[in-house]
Amino acid sequence: MKTLPKPRSDSDADVLSPIHQTPFLGPDTVGRRFLIMAETDSAALLATARRRHWNSPEDLSELSLSCFAAGHYEEAETLCRRILELRPNDEQAGVNLSAALIEQNRLSEAEQELLALRRRCPRSSHALANLSRVHFRQDRPRAGLAAARQALALDPNNVHALQLLYAAGHETDRLPETVRELEKLAASASDAWVPLLTLAQHYHTTGDEEAALHCFRGALERSPNSARVLHGFSGFLGETGRLGLLIEVVENARRAGPVPPEAAYNLARAYAEIGRPDLASEVLGWLWPQVPPPWHDILLQLREELGEAPPLH
């Protein structure tokens, strides 16, 4: 079944993908948790930041994420530099500053900022992941791979480093070796769930559903509350017709705490497809007030399929 295209991610917060017609929201898609502020004009955003938030690193950090989301990379750079004036050892601000420079293709500056950040925060896996991005863009694949592997040695759940490592293997026709490397990484650390999730998505893409199922189960066992895992696993189960297991997995997670909207939508879709429109409607009812407006069209489409379902208000 067709799934949503994976959006680009500029920071640890994932970007809300546009919602299109699709049977299930699959494992190659990612959802966003924060909304872009209404004032997205870059000049107005900076003016607001200077007037109201210039001495609050926390507020400036939130505004910088809004800049990334709106594609205002120069403004994000300005905000990150201000945070570093206030808090010179702020690791996240340093990482985000490098990301803003990378997006502006100012790779040498980004490299220098990351090397300086590594001196201040020598165990920053995120700094190494962005350094890997810089090296790959500089057409220095060996340095890029070395930095990605260093990042994973510090944090085997570094999503961006894993994406870079996997992409490098794919682009250089060394994917079998990369898959073996990911398997060793997953086996070496009992809490390493992102390598298992990456492997699950790989096996799903290559048609090995049983291997994908095994890796998804392992990722869920290691990180039962992960939105990424619940989203990806439920999408995989929906796409491969394992609707009973989809319902079991998401309902178990739902009893334990909040679930991501993608997984909740997949749960409602599964109930609809097994002939339980009442339960599908119940899920849509509690999901509706929790999601931003871009989601409403797809929820309304599913409600229409259910027939005499109550309004989503």
C-alpha atoms as a PDB file:
ATOM      1  CA  MET A   1       0.000   0.000   0.000  1.00  0.00           C
ATOM      2  CA  LYS A   2       1.173   3.513  -0.783  1.00  0.00           C
ATOM      3  CA  THR A   3       2.705   5.463   2.090  1.00  0.00           C
ATOM      4  CA  LEU A   4       3.601   9.075   2.686  1.00  0.00           C
ATOM      5  CA  PRO A   5       6.990  10.361   1.478  1.00  0.00           C
ATOM      6  CA  LYS A   6       9.494  10.932   4.234  1.00  0.00           C
ATOM      7  CA  PRO A   7       9.998  14.650   4.961  1.00  0.00           C
ATOM      8  CA  ARG A   8      13.361  16.263   5.550  1.00  0.00           C
ATOM      9  CA  SER A   9      14.296  16.762   9.190  1.00  0.00           C
ATOM     10  CA  ASP A  10      16.409  19.746  10.240  1.00  0.00           C
ATOM     11  CA  SER A  11      16.728  18.995  13.927  1.00  0.00           C
ATOM     12  CA  ASP A  12      15.819  16.371  16.481  1.00  0.00           C
ATOM     13  CA  ALA A  13      12.197  17.496  16.159  1.00  0.00           C
ATOM     14  CA  ASP A  14      10.632  15.833  13.139  1.00  0.00           C
ATOM     15  CA  VAL A  15       8.815  17.798  10.493  1.00  0.00           C
ATOM     16  CA  LEU A  16       5.073  17.356  10.103  1.00  0.00           C
ATOM     17  CA  SER A  17       4.518  15.706   6.758  1.00  0.00           C
ATOM     18  CA  PRO A  18       1.644  16.867   4.571  1.00  0.00           C
ATOM     19  CA  ILE A  19      -1.341  14.604   4.985  1.00  0.00           C
ATOM     20  CA  HIS A  20      -2.386  12.869   1.755  1.00  0.00           C
ATOM     21  CA  GLN A  21      -4.915  10.142   1.023  1.00  0.00           C
ATOM     22  CA  THR A  22      -3.375   6.871   2.116  1.00  0.00           C
ATOM     23  CA  PRO A  23      -4.684   3.598   3.577  1.00  0.00           C
ATOM     24  CA  PHE A  24      -2.109   3.484   6.362  1.00  0.00           C
ATOM     25  CA  LEU A  25       0.533   5.940   7.519  1.00  0.00           C
ATOM     26  CA  GLY A  26       3.545   3.776   6.956  1.00  0.00           C
ATOM     27  CA  PRO A  27       6.954   3.181   8.496  1.00  0.00           C
ATOM     28  CA  ASP A  28       8.792   5.493   6.105  1.00  0.00           C
ATOM     29  CA  THR A  29       6.966   8.585   7.347  1.00  0.00           C
ATOM     30  CA  VAL A  30       7.509  10.823  10.322  1.00  0.00           C
ATOM     31  CA  GLY A  31       5.209  13.146  12.290  1.00  0.00           C
ATOM     32  CA  ARG A  32       5.845  16.475  13.989  1.00  0.00           C
ATOM     33  CA  ARG A  33       4.948  17.375  17.546  1.00  0.00           C
ATOM     34  CA  PHE A  34       5.224  21.162  17.504  1.00  0.00           C
ATOM     35  CA  LEU A  35       3.410  23.731  15.379  1.00  0.00           C
ATOM     36  CA  ILE A  36       5.022  26.620  13.534  1.00  0.00           C
ATOM     37  CA  MET A  37       4.158  29.902  15.208  1.00  0.00           C
ATOM     38  CA  ALA A  38       1.600  31.987  13.350  1.00  0.00           C
ATOM     39  CA  GLU A  39       4.078  34.833  12.844  1.00  0.00           C
ATOM     40  CA  THR A  40       6.228  33.148  10.217  1.00  0.00           C
ATOM     41  CA  ASP A  41       7.501  36.286   8.453  1.00  0.00           C
ATOM     42  CA  SER A  42      11.224  36.188   9.186  1.00  0.00           C
ATOM     43  CA  ALA A  43      11.654  39.900   9.916  1.00  0.00           C
ATOM     44  CA  ALA A  44       8.642  39.938  12.228  1.00  0.00           C
ATOM     45  CA  LEU A  45       9.843  36.766  13.932  1.00  0.00           C
ATOM     46  CA  LEU A  46      13.257  38.254  14.707  1.00  0.00           C
ATOM     47  CA  ALA A  47      11.718  41.523  15.845  1.00  0.00           C
ATOM     48  CA  THR A  48       9.468  39.603  18.228  1.00  0.00           C
ATOM     49  CA  ALA A  49      12.428  37.612  19.498  1.00  0.00           C
ATOM     50  CA  ARG A  50      14.482  40.742  20.180  1.00  0.00           C
ATOM     51  CA  ARG A  51      11.590  42.568  21.811  1.00  0.00           C
ATOM     52  CA  ARG A  52      10.198  39.812  24.018  1.00  0.00           C
ATOM     53  CA  HIS A  53      12.608  36.901  24.339  1.00  0.00           C
ATOM     54  CA  TRP A  54      16.173  38.129  23.789  1.00  0.00           C
ATOM     55  CA  ASN A  55      17.352  37.124  27.269  1.00  0.00           C
ATOM     56  CA  SER A  56      15.500  33.798  27.464  1.00  0.00           C
ATOM     57  CA  PRO A  57      17.500  30.884  25.989  1.00  0.00           C
ATOM     58  CA  GLU A  58      14.495  28.603  26.339  1.00  0.00           C
ATOM     59  CA  ASP A  59      12.202  30.889  24.343  1.00  0.00           C
ATOM     60  CA  LEU A  60      14.885  31.541  21.742  1.00  0.00           C
ATOM     61  CA  SER A  61      15.364  27.809  21.324  1.00  0.00           C
ATOM     62  CA  GLU A  62      11.655  27.347  20.600  1.00  0.00           C
ATOM     63  CA  LEU A  63      11.714  30.237  18.144  1.00  0.00           C
ATOM     64  CA  SER A  64      14.755  28.776  16.386  1.00  0.00           C
ATOM     65  CA  LEU A  65      12.804  25.557  15.802  1.00  0.00           C
ATOM     66  CA  SER A  66      10.020  27.627  14.267  1.00  0.00           C
ATOM     67  CA  CYS A  67      12.622  29.230  12.000  1.00  0.00           C
ATOM     68  CA  PHE A  68      13.834  25.812  10.889  1.00  0.00           C
ATOM     69  CA  ALA A  69      10.291  24.684  10.222  1.00  0.00           C
ATOM     70  CA  ALA A  70       9.588  27.772   8.105  1.00  0.00           C
ATOM     71  CA  GLY A  71      12.930  27.557   6.260  1.00  0.00           C
ATOM     72  CA  HIS A  72      14.307  30.761   7.831  1.00  0.00           C
ATOM     73  CA  TYR A  73      17.861  29.490   8.282  1.00  0.00           C
ATOM     74  CA  GLU A  74      19.609  32.847   8.572  1.00  0.00           C
ATOM     75  CA  GLU A  75      17.208  33.811  11.356  1.00  0.00           C
ATOM     76  CA  ALA A  76      17.743  30.434  13.040  1.00  0.00           C
ATOM     77  CA  GLU A  77      21.475  31.123  12.914  1.00  0.00           C
ATOM     78  CA  THR A  78      20.988  34.532  14.579  1.00  0.00           C
ATOM     79  CA  LEU A  79      18.887  33.027  17.361  1.00  0.00           C
ATOM     80  CA  CYS A  80      21.329  30.169  17.988  1.00  0.00           C
ATOM     81  CA  ARG A  81      24.255  32.566  18.174  1.00  0.00           C
ATOM     82  CA  ARG A  82      22.342  34.622  20.731  1.00  0.00           C
ATOM     83  CA  ILE A  83      21.652  31.518  22.823  1.00  0.00           C
ATOM     84  CA  LEU A  84      25.375  30.750  22.776  1.00  0.00           C
ATOM     85  CA  GLU A  85      26.114  34.287  23.970  1.00  0.00           C
ATOM     86  CA  LEU A  86      23.867  33.596  26.939  1.00  0.00           C
ATOM     87  CA  ARG A  87      24.925  29.961  27.441  1.00  0.00           C
ATOM     88  CA  PRO A  88      28.276  29.246  25.740  1.00  0.00           C
ATOM     89  CA  ASN A  89      28.152  25.518  26.544  1.00  0.00           C
ATOM     90  CA  ASP A  90      24.617  24.943  25.252  1.00  0.00           C
ATOM     91  CA  GLU A  91      25.096  21.782  23.191  1.00  0.00           C
ATOM     92  CA  GLN A  92      21.738  21.929  21.416  1.00  0.00           C
ATOM     93  CA  ALA A  93      22.249  25.543  20.360  1.00  0.00           C
ATOM     94  CA  GLY A  94      25.662  24.651  18.968  1.00  0.00           C
ATOM     95  CA  VAL A  95      24.240  21.694  17.050  1.00  0.00           C
ATOM     96  CA  ASN A  96      21.366  23.797  15.703  1.00  0.00           C
ATOM     97  CA  LEU A  97      23.745  26.574  14.701  1.00  0.00           C
ATOM     98  CA  SER A  98      25.723  24.085  12.631  1.00  0.00           C
ATOM     99  CA  ALA A  99      22.481  22.825  11.067  1.00  0.00           C
ATOM    100  CA  ALA A 100      21.522  26.387  10.094  1.00  0.00           C
ATOM    101  CA  LEU A 101      24.934  26.886   8.473  1.00  0.00           C
ATOM    102  CA  ILE A 102      24.684  23.552   6.646  1.00  0.00           C
ATOM    103  CA  GLU A 103      21.297  24.540   5.248  1.00  0.00           C
ATOM    104  CA  GLN A 104      22.890  27.727   3.929  1.00  0.00           C
ATOM    105  CA  ASN A 105      25.670  25.608   2.371  1.00  0.00           C
ATOM    106  CA  ARG A 106      28.280  27.349   4.516  1.00  0.00           C
ATOM    107  CA  LEU A 107      30.049  24.091   5.115  1.00  0.00           C
ATOM    108  CA  SER A 108      33.467  25.355   6.210  1.00  0.00           C
ATOM    109  CA  GLU A 109      31.862  27.573   8.848  1.00  0.00           C
ATOM    110  CA  ALA A 110      29.692  24.706  10.014  1.00  0.00           C
ATOM    111  CA  GLU A 111      32.743  22.466  10.310  1.00  0.00           C
ATOM    112  CA  GLN A 112      34.596  25.047  12.404  1.00  0.00           C
ATOM    113  CA  GLU A 113      31.597  25.538  14.696  1.00  0.00           C
ATOM    114  CA  LEU A 114      31.278  21.773  15.155  1.00  0.00           C
ATOM    115  CA  LEU A 115      34.961  21.318  15.920  1.00  0.00           C
ATOM    116  CA  ALA A 116      34.695  24.079  18.522  1.00  0.00           C
ATOM    117  CA  LEU A 117      31.545  22.444  19.925  1.00  0.00           C
ATOM    118  CA  ARG A 118      33.359  19.139  20.190  1.00  0.00           C
ATOM    119  CA  ARG A 119      36.052  20.801  22.270  1.00  0.00           C
ATOM    120  CA  ARG A 120      33.373  22.132  24.621  1.00  0.00           C
ATOM    121  CA  CYS A 121      31.215  18.990  24.555  1.00  0.00           C
ATOM    122  CA  PRO A 122      33.512  16.084  23.628  1.00  0.00           C
ATOM    123  CA  ARG A 123      30.792  13.472  24.089  1.00  0.00           C
ATOM    124  CA  SER A 124      28.244  15.160  21.837  1.00  0.00           C
ATOM    125  CA  SER A 125      26.942  12.495  19.485  1.00  0.00           C
ATOM    126  CA  HIS A 126      24.802  15.115  17.749  1.00  0.00           C
ATOM    127  CA  ALA A 127      27.831  17.271  16.959  1.00  0.00           C
ATOM    128  CA  LEU A 128      29.505  14.258  15.354  1.00  0.00           C
ATOM    129  CA  ALA A 129      26.388  13.434  13.337  1.00  0.00           C
ATOM    130  CA  ASN A 130      26.303  16.959  11.922  1.00  0.00           C
ATOM    131  CA  LEU A 131      30.035  16.806  11.291  1.00  0.00           C
ATOM    132  CA  SER A 132      29.334  13.647   9.310  1.00  0.00           C
ATOM    133  CA  ARG A 133      26.714  15.547   7.278  1.00  0.00           C
ATOM    134  CA  VAL A 134      29.271  18.262   6.544  1.00  0.00           C
ATOM    135  CA  HIS A 135      31.903  15.763   5.386  1.00  0.00           C
ATOM    136  CA  PHE A 136      29.477  13.967   3.094  1.00  0.00           C
ATOM    137  CA  ARG A 137      28.440  17.276   1.531  1.00  0.00           C
ATOM    138  CA  GLN A 138      32.104  18.143   1.100  1.00  0.00           C
ATOM    139  CA  ASP A 139      32.488  14.892  -0.857  1.00  0.00           C
ATOM    140  CA  ARG A 140      34.644  13.381   1.883  1.00  0.00           C
ATOM    141  CA  PRO A 141      32.832  10.061   2.408  1.00  0.00           C
ATOM    142  CA  ARG A 142      35.546   8.400   4.501  1.00  0.00           C
ATOM    143  CA  ALA A 143      35.537  11.285   6.974  1.00  0.00           C
ATOM    144  CA  GLY A 144      31.731  11.269   6.896  1.00  0.00           C
ATOM    145  CA  LEU A 145      31.559   7.578   7.732  1.00  0.00           C
ATOM    146  CA  ALA A 146      34.167   7.930  10.468  1.00  0.00           C
ATOM    147  CA  ALA A 147      32.208  10.737  12.128  1.00  0.00           C
ATOM    148  CA  ALA A 148      28.918   8.827  11.860  1.00  0.00           C
ATOM    149  CA  ARG A 149      30.500   5.765  13.461  1.00  0.00           C
ATOM    150  CA  GLN A 150      31.976   7.898  16.248  1.00  0.00           C
ATOM    151  CA  ALA A 151      28.522   9.346  16.863  1.00  0.00           C
ATOM    152  CA  LEU A 152      27.019   5.863  17.086  1.00  0.00           C
ATOM    153  CA  ALA A 153      29.762   4.691  19.423  1.00  0.00           C
ATOM    154  CA  LEU A 154      28.613   7.442  21.807  1.00  0.00           C
ATOM    155  CA  ASP A 155      24.899   6.955  21.164  1.00  0.00           C
ATOM    156  CA  PRO A 156      23.705   3.945  19.140  1.00  0.00           C
ATOM    157  CA  ASN A 157      20.245   5.548  19.000  1.00  0.00           C
ATOM    158  CA  ASN A 158      21.411   8.630  17.110  1.00  0.00           C
ATOM    159  CA  VAL A 159      18.816   8.713  14.338  1.00  0.00           C
ATOM    160  CA  HIS A 160      20.697  11.088  12.058  1.00  0.00           C
ATOM    161  CA  ALA A 161      23.981   9.203  12.250  1.00  0.00           C
ATOM    162  CA  LEU A 162      22.165   5.962  11.436  1.00  0.00           C
ATOM    163  CA  GLN A 163      20.441   7.582   8.471  1.00  0.00           C
ATOM    164  CA  LEU A 164      23.768   8.834   7.149  1.00  0.00           C
ATOM    165  CA  LEU A 165      25.417   5.447   7.621  1.00  0.00           C
ATOM    166  CA  TYR A 166      22.564   3.631   5.874  1.00  0.00           C
ATOM    167  CA  ALA A 167      22.401   6.152   3.021  1.00  0.00           C
ATOM    168  CA  ALA A 168      26.141   5.859   2.475  1.00  0.00           C
ATOM    169  CA  GLY A 169      25.874   2.083   2.236  1.00  0.00           C
ATOM    170  CA  HIS A 170      22.991   2.369  -0.196  1.00  0.00           C
ATOM    171  CA  GLU A 171      24.726   4.902  -2.428  1.00  0.00           C
ATOM    172  CA  THR A 172      28.028   3.011  -2.568  1.00  0.00           C
ATOM    173  CA  ASP A 173      26.504  -0.429  -3.217  1.00  0.00           C
ATOM    174  CA  ARG A 174      27.756  -1.612   0.157  1.00  0.00           C
ATOM    175  CA  LEU A 175      24.328  -2.114   1.685  1.00  0.00           C
ATOM    176  CA  PRO A 176      24.902  -5.764   2.746  1.00  0.00           C
ATOM    177  CA  GLU A 177      27.963  -4.688   4.737  1.00  0.00           C
ATOM    178  CA  THR A 178      26.026  -1.788   6.232  1.00  0.00           C
ATOM    179  CA  VAL A 179      23.165  -4.086   7.260  1.00  0.00           C
ATOM    180  CA  ARG A 180      25.639  -6.386   9.016  1.00  0.00           C
ATOM    181  CA  GLU A 181      27.129  -3.362  10.770  1.00  0.00           C
ATOM    182  CA  LEU A 182      23.674  -2.311  11.977  1.00  0.00           C
ATOM    183  CA  GLU A 183      22.967  -5.829  13.210  1.00  0.00           C
ATOM    184  CA  LYS A 184      26.198  -5.819  15.227  1.00  0.00           C
ATOM    185  CA  LEU A 185      25.335  -2.382  16.616  1.00  0.00           C
ATOM    186  CA  ALA A 186      21.877  -3.576  17.700  1.00  0.00           C
ATOM    187  CA  ALA A 187      23.378  -6.665  19.328  1.00  0.00           C
ATOM    188  CA  SER A 188      26.093  -4.740  21.163  1.00  0.00           C
ATOM    189  CA  ALA A 189      23.772  -2.527  23.226  1.00  0.00           C
ATOM    190  CA  SER A 190      20.604  -3.739  24.928  1.00  0.00           C
ATOM    191  CA  ASP A 191      18.933  -0.323  24.607  1.00  0.00           C
ATOM    192  CA  ALA A 192      19.825   0.218  20.931  1.00  0.00           C
ATOM    193  CA  TRP A 193      16.337   0.346  19.407  1.00  0.00           C
ATOM    194  CA  VAL A 194      16.975   2.754  16.509  1.00  0.00           C
ATOM    195  CA  PRO A 195      19.309   0.310  14.697  1.00  0.00           C
ATOM    196  CA  LEU A 196      16.521  -2.276  14.927  1.00  0.00           C
ATOM    197  CA  LEU A 197      14.010   0.233  13.580  1.00  0.00           C
ATOM    198  CA  THR A 198      16.354   1.085  10.710  1.00  0.00           C
ATOM    199  CA  LEU A 199      16.784  -2.612   9.943  1.00  0.00           C
ATOM    200  CA  ALA A 200      13.021  -3.138  10.090  1.00  0.00           C
ATOM    201  CA  GLN A 201      12.475  -0.400   7.535  1.00  0.00           C
ATOM    202  CA  HIS A 202      15.255  -1.834   5.369  1.00  0.00           C
ATOM    203  CA  TYR A 203      13.798  -5.336   5.398  1.00  0.00           C
ATOM    204  CA  HIS A 204      10.312  -3.997   4.719  1.00  0.00           C
ATOM    205  CA  THR A 205      11.640  -2.062   1.724  1.00  0.00           C
ATOM    206  CA  THR A 206      13.432  -5.130   0.374  1.00  0.00           C
ATOM    207  CA  GLY A 207      10.385  -7.379   0.829  1.00  0.00           C
ATOM    208  CA  ASP A 208      11.599  -9.514   3.738  1.00  0.00           C
ATOM    209  CA  GLU A 209       8.477  -9.147   5.875  1.00  0.00           C
ATOM    210  CA  GLU A 210       9.413 -11.742   8.486  1.00  0.00           C
ATOM    211  CA  ALA A 211      12.776 -10.106   9.160  1.00  0.00           C
ATOM    212  CA  ALA A 212      11.069  -6.718   9.304  1.00  0.00           C
ATOM    213  CA  LEU A 213       8.488  -8.039  11.768  1.00  0.00           C
ATOM    214  CA  HIS A 214      11.236  -9.490  13.964  1.00  0.00           C
ATOM    215  CA  CYS A 215      13.117  -6.171  14.027  1.00  0.00           C
ATOM    216  CA  PHE A 216       9.992  -4.115  14.673  1.00  0.00           C
ATOM    217  CA  ARG A 217       9.137  -6.395  17.609  1.00  0.00           C
ATOM    218  CA  GLY A 218      12.642  -5.997  18.973  1.00  0.00           C
ATOM    219  CA  ALA A 219      12.541  -2.216  18.643  1.00  0.00           C
ATOM    220  CA  LEU A 220       9.172  -2.087  20.424  1.00  0.00           C
ATOM    221  CA  GLU A 221      10.435  -4.322  23.223  1.00  0.00           C
ATOM    222  CA  ARG A 222      13.427  -2.057  23.767  1.00  0.00           C
ATOM    223  CA  SER A 223      11.483   1.208  23.476  1.00  0.00           C
ATOM    224  CA  PRO A 224       7.774   0.514  24.122  1.00  0.00           C
ATOM    225  CA  ASN A 225       6.825   4.197  24.362  1.00  0.00           C
ATOM    226  CA  SER A 226       8.669   5.403  21.259  1.00  0.00           C
ATOM    227  CA  ALA A 227       6.454   7.371  18.866  1.00  0.00           C
ATOM    228  CA  ARG A 228       8.795   6.433  16.014  1.00  0.00           C
ATOM    229  CA  VAL A 229       8.457   2.725  16.708  1.00  0.00           C
ATOM    230  CA  LEU A 230       4.682   2.803  17.187  1.00  0.00           C
ATOM    231  CA  HIS A 231       4.228   4.836  14.035  1.00  0.00           C
ATOM    232  CA  GLY A 232       6.504   2.653  11.921  1.00  0.00           C
ATOM    233  CA  PHE A 233       5.363  -0.684  13.339  1.00  0.00           C
ATOM    234  CA  SER A 234       1.649   0.096  13.011  1.00  0.00           C
ATOM    235  CA  GLY A 235       2.138   1.309   9.449  1.00  0.00           C
ATOM    236  CA  PHE A 236       4.024  -1.864   8.559  1.00  0.00           C
ATOM    237  CA  LEU A 237       1.341  -4.053  10.110  1.00  0.00           C
ATOM    238  CA  GLY A 238      -1.386  -2.196   8.247  1.00  0.00           C
ATOM    239  CA  GLU A 239       0.405  -2.367   4.931  1.00  0.00           C
ATOM    240  CA  THR A 240       1.039  -6.094   5.285  1.00  0.00           C
ATOM    241  CA  GLY A 241      -2.503  -6.914   6.415  1.00  0.00           C
ATOM    242  CA  ARG A 242      -1.683  -7.897   9.997  1.00  0.00           C
ATOM    243  CA  LEU A 243      -4.633  -5.950  11.364  1.00  0.00           C
ATOM    244  CA  GLY A 244      -5.184  -8.039  14.487  1.00  0.00           C
ATOM    245  CA  LEU A 245      -1.587  -7.543  15.573  1.00  0.00           C
ATOM    246  CA  LEU A 246      -1.786  -3.842  14.699  1.00  0.00           C
ATOM    247  CA  ILE A 247      -4.794  -3.450  16.998  1.00  0.00           C
ATOM    248  CA  GLU A 248      -3.083  -5.417  19.778  1.00  0.00           C
ATOM    249  CA  VAL A 249       0.142  -3.391  19.576  1.00  0.00           C
ATOM    250  CA  VAL A 250      -1.460   0.047  19.478  1.00  0.00           C
ATOM    251  CA  GLU A 251      -4.143  -0.717  22.067  1.00  0.00           C
ATOM    252  CA  ASN A 252      -1.474  -2.017  24.463  1.00  0.00           C
ATOM    253  CA  ALA A 253       0.511   1.173  23.943  1.00  0.00           C
ATOM    254  CA  ARG A 254      -2.632   3.273  24.313  1.00  0.00           C
ATOM    255  CA  ARG A 255      -3.343   1.740  27.713  1.00  0.00           C
ATOM    256  CA  ALA A 256       0.198   2.526  28.821  1.00  0.00           C
ATOM    257  CA  GLY A 257       0.203   6.187  27.738  1.00  0.00           C
ATOM    258  CA  PRO A 258      -0.114   8.578  24.787  1.00  0.00           C
ATOM    259  CA  VAL A 259       0.378   7.206  21.274  1.00  0.00           C
ATOM    260  CA  PRO A 260       1.453   9.208  18.217  1.00  0.00           C
ATOM    261  CA  PRO A 261      -1.359  10.355  15.933  1.00  0.00           C
ATOM    262  CA  GLU A 262      -0.047   8.233  13.054  1.00  0.00           C
ATOM    263  CA  ALA A 263      -0.427   5.068  15.129  1.00  0.00           C
ATOM    264  CA  ALA A 264      -3.859   6.164  16.373  1.00  0.00           C
ATOM    265  CA  TYR A 265      -4.982   6.790  12.798  1.00  0.00           C
ATOM    266  CA  ASN A 266      -3.695   3.352  11.799  1.00  0.00           C
ATOM    267  CA  LEU A 267      -5.649   1.863  14.695  1.00  0.00           C
ATOM    268  CA  ALA A 268      -8.844   3.555  13.494  1.00  0.00           C
ATOM    269  CA  ARG A 269      -8.164   2.392   9.927  1.00  0.00           C
ATOM    270  CA  ALA A 270      -7.660  -1.184  11.143  1.00  0.00           C
ATOM    271  CA  TYR A 271     -10.946  -1.152  13.063  1.00  0.00           C
ATOM    272  CA  ALA A 272     -12.701   0.165   9.967  1.00  0.00           C
ATOM    273  CA  GLU A 273     -11.238  -2.576   7.784  1.00  0.00           C
ATOM    274  CA  ILE A 274     -12.250  -5.413  10.134  1.00  0.00           C
ATOM    275  CA  GLY A 275     -15.829  -4.137  10.210  1.00  0.00           C
ATOM    276  CA  ARG A 276     -15.842  -2.308  13.543  1.00  0.00           C
ATOM    277  CA  PRO A 277     -16.821   1.259  12.569  1.00  0.00           C
ATOM    278  CA  ASP A 278     -17.956   1.917  16.145  1.00  0.00           C
ATOM    279  CA  LEU A 279     -14.450   1.401  17.495  1.00  0.00           C
ATOM    280  CA  ALA A 280     -12.903   3.298  14.589  1.00  0.00           C
ATOM    281  CA  SER A 281     -15.222   6.212  15.322  1.00  0.00           C
ATOM    282  CA  GLU A 282     -14.263   6.119  19.001  1.00  0.00           C
ATOM    283  CA  VAL A 283     -10.569   6.396  18.133  1.00  0.00           C
ATOM    284  CA  LEU A 284     -11.208   9.282  15.731  1.00  0.00           C
ATOM    285  CA  GLY A 285     -13.231  11.023  18.425  1.00  0.00           C
ATOM    286  CA  TRP A 286     -10.382  11.183  20.922  1.00  0.00           C
ATOM    287  CA  LEU A 287      -7.751  11.769  18.236  1.00  0.00           C
ATOM    288  CA  TRP A 288      -9.443  14.806  16.640  1.00  0.00           C
ATOM    289  CA  PRO A 289      -8.777  17.377  19.430  1.00  0.00           C
ATOM    290  CA  GLN A 290      -5.170  16.248  19.789  1.00  0.00           C
ATOM    291  CA  VAL A 291      -3.986  16.939  16.222  1.00  0.00           C
ATOM    292  CA  PRO A 292      -3.268  20.178  14.328  1.00  0.00           C
ATOM    293  CA  PRO A 293      -5.485  21.316  11.420  1.00  0.00           C
ATOM    294  CA  PRO A 294      -3.405  19.653   8.655  1.00  0.00           C
ATOM    295  CA  TRP A 295      -4.648  16.322  10.006  1.00  0.00           C
ATOM    296  CA  HIS A 296      -8.337  17.130   9.876  1.00  0.00           C
ATOM    297  CA  ASP A 297      -8.919  16.326   6.205  1.00  0.00           C
ATOM    298  CA  ILE A 298      -7.599  12.789   6.472  1.00  0.00           C
ATOM    299  CA  LEU A 299      -9.607  12.149   9.651  1.00  0.00           C
ATOM    300  CA  LEU A 300     -12.748  13.464   7.972  1.00  0.00           C
ATOM    301  CA  GLN A 301     -12.116  11.199   4.966  1.00  0.00           C
ATOM    302  CA  LEU A 302     -11.986   8.152   7.207  1.00  0.00           C
ATOM    303  CA  ARG A 303     -15.086   9.303   9.086  1.00  0.00           C
ATOM    304  CA  GLU A 304     -16.969   9.538   5.789  1.00  0.00           C
ATOM    305  CA  GLU A 305     -15.982   5.941   5.012  1.00  0.00           C
ATOM    306  CA  LEU A 306     -17.506   4.882   8.334  1.00  0.00           C
ATOM    307  CA  GLY A 307     -20.983   6.063   7.322  1.00  0.00           C
ATOM    308  CA  GLU A 308     -23.159   7.160  10.233  1.00  0.00           C
ATOM    309  CA  ALA A 309     -20.308   8.216  12.486  1.00  0.00           C
ATOM    310  CA  PRO A 310     -20.691  11.085  14.962  1.00  0.00           C
ATOM    311  CA  PRO A 311     -19.212  14.495  14.052  1.00  0.00           C
ATOM    312  CA  LEU A 312     -15.552  15.101  14.822  1.00  0.00           C
ATOM    313  CA  HIS A 313     -15.861  18.183  16.990  1.00  0.00           C
END
